[in-house]
Amino acid sequence: MIPKGKLLIIGGAEDKGDKVTDRDEGNPNVRHFEILQELLPSRKKKLGIEVITTASRVPGEVTKMYSSTFKKMGYDNIGYMNIESKMEARDEKILKRIEKAGTILFSGGDQFRIASILGGTPVSDLIADKYIHDKDCIVAGTSAGAMVLSKVMIAGGQISEALFLKDMKTSAGLGLLHDCVIDTHFIKRGRFARLALAVITNPGQLGIGLGEDTALIITNGRAAECRGSGMVVIIDGKDIAQTNIGEVEDCDPVFVENLRVHLLSRGCRFSITERKFGQLIKEKINGNEIM
């Protein structure tokens, strides 16, 4: 079934209007809150945002941070849920709040906490149902909160100079995005090898590596648009030729031939089902047309 709602997957460290980098200074194209603006639901229907902080070990700090950020943006219809058990994920009060929300945002932290606590509960079922049937629904995640939205989820992994099977672990995510596996903080934390290995071992999945302050907006479950200041790396294993992935032991290095890579920046469109670029988005900034 084609989902009517939207997904917003964010690579982490999204601009909250409080950081200035060397690249920002004097750059007329910098747009603060560019990604977080996409979270705002329809104001006509007065739909709110519910932030689920289950992934974090310091939910109070996450709440304080986002409260300050949304206040700067002039938006105050925000709720926060720190669901810490499967019993809480059956609470009728929580379910009613999710039902009324326009946007559900999963914060960063540990993606395995979200999957293990919320997976298979009425909360995750309701969110999935809203995403499928409600055209006004936005389901978003940043960092770990983005990684958990896929069906196959990277649960952990180390960074090595070579690719080793032991360096990457996968498990089941919440399954809103079926054909992709997601990694975040992708450029800054050097996670190419980890995502590549996830794709090599799950060749039916498209790898999405999200840079910081970078996001993909996904409509109809398949049409993605890039936002933010960084890049998105797409890894496609559909045309893999030679590889030793079926024979290696945990400590043997993996090789692979014909692993395809695409780089997306702000304004790029990509079809997840067709695995190719779409028409670029043209925008005007300060009177100048850009792609």
Protein backbone atom coordinates (compact mmCIF):
# COMPACT_ATOMS: atom_id res chain seq x y z
CA MET A 1 0.00 0.00 0.00
CA ILE A 2 1.27 3.46 -0.92
CA PRO A 3 1.58 5.59 2.24
CA LYS A 4 -0.27 8.91 2.26
CA GLY A 5 1.94 10.46 4.93
CA LYS A 6 5.52 11.72 4.73
CA LEU A 7 8.78 10.59 6.27
CA LEU A 8 11.52 13.02 7.25
CA ILE A 9 14.82 11.29 7.98
CA ILE A 10 17.54 13.56 9.40
CA GLY A 11 21.26 12.82 9.67
CA GLY A 12 21.57 14.41 13.11
CA ALA A 13 22.92 17.76 14.34
CA GLU A 14 20.24 19.62 12.36
CA ASP A 15 20.54 23.40 12.48
CA LYS A 16 18.65 24.78 15.47
CA GLY A 17 19.50 28.42 14.88
CA ASP A 18 22.23 28.47 17.49
CA LYS A 19 25.41 27.50 15.67
CA VAL A 20 27.59 29.45 13.28
CA THR A 21 30.31 27.61 11.37
CA ASP A 22 33.09 29.01 9.22
CA ARG A 23 31.02 28.03 6.20
CA ASP A 24 28.03 30.00 7.50
CA GLU A 25 29.83 33.30 7.94
CA GLY A 26 29.11 35.61 5.01
CA ASN A 27 27.19 32.91 3.13
CA PRO A 28 23.88 34.40 1.87
CA ASN A 29 22.47 30.93 1.15
CA VAL A 30 22.51 29.70 4.76
CA ARG A 31 18.97 28.90 5.91
CA HIS A 32 18.52 28.38 9.63
CA PHE A 33 15.83 25.92 10.74
CA GLU A 34 15.62 24.67 7.12
CA ILE A 35 15.07 21.05 8.14
CA LEU A 36 13.05 21.61 11.30
CA GLN A 37 10.62 23.81 9.36
CA GLU A 38 9.59 20.64 7.53
CA LEU A 39 8.28 19.23 10.82
CA LEU A 40 5.61 21.88 11.24
CA PRO A 41 2.18 20.37 10.57
CA SER A 42 -0.81 22.12 9.03
CA ARG A 43 -1.52 25.25 11.08
CA LYS A 44 -5.09 25.33 9.77
CA LYS A 45 -5.87 22.08 11.57
CA LYS A 46 -3.87 23.14 14.64
CA LEU A 47 -2.04 19.83 14.62
CA GLY A 48 0.82 19.53 17.08
CA ILE A 49 4.18 17.81 17.26
CA GLU A 50 4.91 14.93 19.63
CA VAL A 51 8.61 14.32 20.31
CA ILE A 52 9.40 10.77 21.44
CA THR A 53 12.62 10.77 23.49
CA THR A 54 12.81 7.01 24.12
CA ALA A 55 16.22 6.75 22.40
CA SER A 56 17.89 9.13 24.84
CA ARG A 57 19.37 8.43 28.27
CA VAL A 58 18.92 12.12 29.09
CA PRO A 59 15.37 12.84 27.89
CA GLY A 60 15.12 15.97 30.03
CA GLU A 61 18.00 17.58 28.15
CA VAL A 62 16.44 16.64 24.80
CA THR A 63 13.13 18.17 25.87
CA LYS A 64 14.85 21.37 27.00
CA MET A 65 16.79 21.65 23.74
CA TYR A 66 13.82 21.19 21.41
CA SER A 67 11.58 23.38 23.55
CA SER A 68 14.07 26.21 23.16
CA THR A 69 14.44 25.60 19.43
CA PHE A 70 10.75 25.52 18.61
CA LYS A 71 10.21 28.62 20.72
CA LYS A 72 12.75 30.42 18.52
CA MET A 73 10.77 29.21 15.52
CA GLY A 74 7.56 30.65 16.98
CA TYR A 75 5.91 27.26 17.40
CA ASP A 76 4.69 26.06 20.78
CA ASN A 77 2.25 23.19 20.14
CA ILE A 78 4.79 20.58 21.25
CA GLY A 79 4.47 17.52 23.45
CA TYR A 80 7.20 15.22 24.78
CA MET A 81 6.95 11.49 25.50
CA ASN A 82 9.65 9.49 27.24
CA ILE A 83 8.20 6.00 26.75
CA GLU A 84 10.46 3.64 28.69
CA SER A 85 8.60 0.33 28.64
CA LYS A 86 6.21 -1.73 26.56
CA MET A 87 3.59 -1.20 29.25
CA GLU A 88 3.82 2.57 28.75
CA ALA A 89 3.52 1.98 24.99
CA ARG A 90 0.02 0.62 25.64
CA ASP A 91 -1.13 3.62 27.67
CA GLU A 92 -4.38 5.03 26.28
CA LYS A 93 -3.38 8.61 27.11
CA ILE A 94 -0.22 8.27 25.03
CA LEU A 95 -2.12 6.66 22.15
CA LYS A 96 -4.67 9.49 22.13
CA ARG A 97 -1.90 12.08 21.98
CA ILE A 98 -0.28 10.32 19.03
CA GLU A 99 -3.65 10.03 17.31
CA LYS A 100 -4.14 13.81 17.54
CA ALA A 101 -0.60 14.74 16.48
CA GLY A 102 0.29 16.01 13.03
CA THR A 103 3.99 15.17 13.41
CA ILE A 104 5.78 12.46 15.40
CA LEU A 105 9.52 13.05 15.87
CA PHE A 106 11.90 10.41 17.22
CA SER A 107 14.90 12.04 18.87
CA GLY A 108 18.48 10.81 18.74
CA GLY A 109 20.23 8.46 21.13
CA ASP A 110 20.22 4.67 20.80
CA GLN A 111 18.12 3.25 17.95
CA PHE A 112 18.04 -0.19 19.58
CA ARG A 113 16.22 1.29 22.59
CA ILE A 114 13.45 2.56 20.33
CA ALA A 115 13.15 -0.70 18.41
CA SER A 116 13.22 -2.95 21.48
CA ILE A 117 10.84 -0.83 23.58
CA LEU A 118 8.34 0.34 20.95
CA GLY A 119 8.54 -2.42 18.34
CA GLY A 120 5.36 -4.50 18.14
CA THR A 121 3.43 -2.23 20.53
CA PRO A 122 0.23 -0.24 20.00
CA VAL A 123 2.36 2.93 19.75
CA SER A 124 4.38 1.67 16.77
CA ASP A 125 1.26 0.16 15.18
CA LEU A 126 -0.62 3.46 15.49
CA ILE A 127 2.26 5.48 14.05
CA ALA A 128 2.52 3.09 11.11
CA ASP A 129 -1.24 3.28 10.55
CA LYS A 130 -1.21 7.09 10.58
CA TYR A 131 1.71 7.13 8.15
CA ILE A 132 -0.13 4.84 5.74
CA HIS A 133 -3.60 6.43 5.89
CA ASP A 134 -3.28 10.08 7.03
CA LYS A 135 -2.14 12.57 4.36
CA ASP A 136 -1.43 15.17 7.08
CA CYS A 137 0.89 12.85 9.02
CA ILE A 138 4.64 13.45 9.18
CA VAL A 139 6.84 10.82 10.83
CA ALA A 140 10.35 12.11 11.43
CA GLY A 141 13.52 10.94 13.07
CA THR A 142 16.93 12.43 13.68
CA SER A 143 20.12 10.41 14.14
CA ALA A 144 19.09 7.17 15.89
CA GLY A 145 15.47 8.24 15.44
CA ALA A 146 15.98 8.16 11.67
CA MET A 147 17.81 4.83 11.63
CA VAL A 148 14.98 3.02 13.41
CA LEU A 149 12.40 3.94 10.74
CA SER A 150 13.70 1.35 8.27
CA LYS A 151 12.77 -2.33 8.22
CA VAL A 152 16.40 -3.48 8.37
CA MET A 153 18.18 -1.37 10.99
CA ILE A 154 21.88 -0.96 11.72
CA ALA A 155 22.07 -1.80 15.42
CA GLY A 156 25.76 -1.08 15.87
CA GLY A 157 29.19 -1.42 14.36
CA GLN A 158 32.81 -0.39 14.54
CA ILE A 159 34.97 1.48 12.03
CA SER A 160 37.87 -0.47 10.53
CA GLU A 161 40.28 0.14 7.66
CA ALA A 162 38.87 -2.97 5.96
CA LEU A 163 35.34 -4.37 5.85
CA PHE A 164 34.81 -7.18 8.36
CA LEU A 165 31.53 -8.97 9.03
CA LYS A 166 32.05 -8.63 12.77
CA ASP A 167 32.10 -4.84 12.48
CA MET A 168 28.40 -4.42 11.64
CA LYS A 169 25.20 -5.65 13.29
CA THR A 170 21.66 -5.35 12.01
CA SER A 171 18.28 -5.97 13.58
CA ALA A 172 14.64 -5.12 12.90
CA GLY A 173 13.58 -1.48 12.93
CA LEU A 174 10.05 -0.08 12.99
CA GLY A 175 9.61 -0.86 9.30
CA LEU A 176 8.07 2.31 7.92
CA LEU A 177 10.64 2.34 5.11
CA HIS A 178 10.85 -1.15 3.65
CA ASP A 179 13.49 -0.98 0.93
CA CYS A 180 16.22 1.05 2.64
CA VAL A 181 18.71 0.80 5.47
CA ILE A 182 19.67 4.14 7.02
CA ASP A 183 22.86 5.44 8.63
CA THR A 184 23.39 8.90 10.14
CA HIS A 185 26.22 11.31 11.04
CA PHE A 186 27.49 9.59 7.93
CA ILE A 187 30.30 11.84 6.74
CA LYS A 188 31.59 13.18 10.05
CA ARG A 189 31.82 9.76 11.71
CA GLY A 190 33.21 7.92 8.66
CA ARG A 191 30.43 5.36 8.35
CA PHE A 192 30.74 4.47 4.65
CA ALA A 193 32.17 1.01 5.34
CA ARG A 194 29.41 0.22 7.84
CA LEU A 195 26.59 1.13 5.47
CA ALA A 196 28.30 -0.53 2.51
CA LEU A 197 28.53 -3.76 4.50
CA ALA A 198 24.85 -3.48 5.46
CA VAL A 199 23.97 -3.22 1.75
CA ILE A 200 26.32 -6.04 0.71
CA THR A 201 24.73 -8.37 3.25
CA ASN A 202 21.21 -7.13 2.39
CA PRO A 203 21.48 -6.47 -1.38
CA GLY A 204 17.75 -5.83 -1.76
CA GLN A 205 18.10 -2.78 0.47
CA LEU A 206 19.18 0.66 -0.69
CA GLY A 207 21.69 2.27 1.67
CA ILE A 208 20.98 5.87 2.72
CA GLY A 209 23.85 7.67 4.44
CA LEU A 210 22.71 11.00 5.86
CA GLY A 211 25.22 13.72 6.60
CA GLU A 212 24.71 16.05 9.56
CA ASP A 213 22.25 18.93 9.08
CA THR A 214 20.95 17.03 6.06
CA ALA A 215 17.65 15.24 5.48
CA LEU A 216 15.48 13.42 3.00
CA ILE A 217 11.77 14.10 2.73
CA ILE A 218 10.08 10.95 1.43
CA THR A 219 6.58 11.04 -0.05
CA ASN A 220 4.53 8.09 -1.31
CA GLY A 221 7.15 5.85 0.27
CA ARG A 222 9.43 6.30 -2.73
CA ALA A 223 10.05 9.92 -3.83
CA ALA A 224 12.89 11.54 -1.86
CA GLU A 225 14.00 15.17 -1.81
CA CYS A 226 17.22 16.37 -0.18
CA ARG A 227 17.34 19.30 2.26
CA GLY A 228 20.08 20.85 4.37
CA SER A 229 23.70 21.92 4.15
CA GLY A 230 25.43 18.56 3.74
CA MET A 231 25.18 15.51 1.52
CA VAL A 232 23.29 12.24 1.32
CA VAL A 233 25.15 9.17 0.06
CA ILE A 234 23.09 6.48 -1.64
CA ILE A 235 24.66 3.01 -1.87
CA ASP A 236 23.05 0.56 -4.31
CA GLY A 237 24.01 -3.12 -4.28
CA LYS A 238 21.63 -4.25 -7.02
CA ASP A 239 24.40 -4.65 -9.62
CA ILE A 240 27.02 -6.27 -7.39
CA ALA A 241 29.24 -8.65 -9.37
CA GLN A 242 32.14 -10.35 -7.61
CA THR A 243 32.16 -10.53 -3.81
CA ASN A 244 33.36 -12.94 -1.16
CA ILE A 245 30.57 -12.09 1.28
CA GLY A 246 29.19 -15.63 1.22
CA GLU A 247 32.46 -17.30 2.19
CA VAL A 248 34.28 -14.97 4.59
CA GLU A 249 34.76 -15.57 8.28
CA ASP A 250 34.18 -12.75 10.76
CA CYS A 251 37.82 -11.67 10.69
CA ASP A 252 38.36 -11.91 6.91
CA PRO A 253 38.14 -8.69 4.84
CA VAL A 254 35.23 -8.34 2.43
CA PHE A 255 35.65 -7.31 -1.21
CA VAL A 256 32.95 -6.29 -3.67
CA GLU A 257 32.76 -5.28 -7.32
CA ASN A 258 30.34 -2.79 -8.88
CA LEU A 259 28.83 -1.29 -5.76
CA ARG A 260 27.09 1.87 -7.03
CA VAL A 261 27.22 5.19 -5.16
CA HIS A 262 25.19 8.40 -5.68
CA LEU A 263 25.74 11.75 -3.95
CA LEU A 264 22.77 14.03 -3.27
CA SER A 265 22.83 17.63 -2.11
CA ARG A 266 20.11 20.20 -1.42
CA GLY A 267 17.56 20.21 -4.24
CA CYS A 268 18.25 16.69 -5.52
CA ARG A 269 15.38 14.29 -6.02
CA PHE A 270 15.79 10.52 -5.97
CA SER A 271 13.39 7.67 -6.68
CA ILE A 272 13.84 4.90 -4.13
CA THR A 273 11.88 2.37 -6.20
CA GLU A 274 13.61 3.17 -9.51
CA ARG A 275 16.97 3.80 -7.81
CA LYS A 276 17.79 6.85 -9.89
CA PHE A 277 17.81 10.63 -9.84
CA GLY A 278 14.69 12.60 -10.60
CA GLN A 279 14.25 16.19 -11.78
CA LEU A 280 16.26 18.67 -9.72
CA ILE A 281 14.44 21.24 -7.62
CA LYS A 282 14.99 24.82 -8.77
CA GLU A 283 14.94 27.50 -6.11
CA LYS A 284 15.61 31.20 -5.96
CA ILE A 285 17.79 32.63 -3.22
CA ASN A 286 18.50 36.35 -3.13
CA GLY A 287 17.24 36.59 -6.70
CA ASN A 288 19.58 33.91 -8.02
CA GLU A 289 18.25 30.62 -9.36
CA ILE A 290 19.99 27.57 -7.97
CA MET A 291 19.49 23.84 -8.24
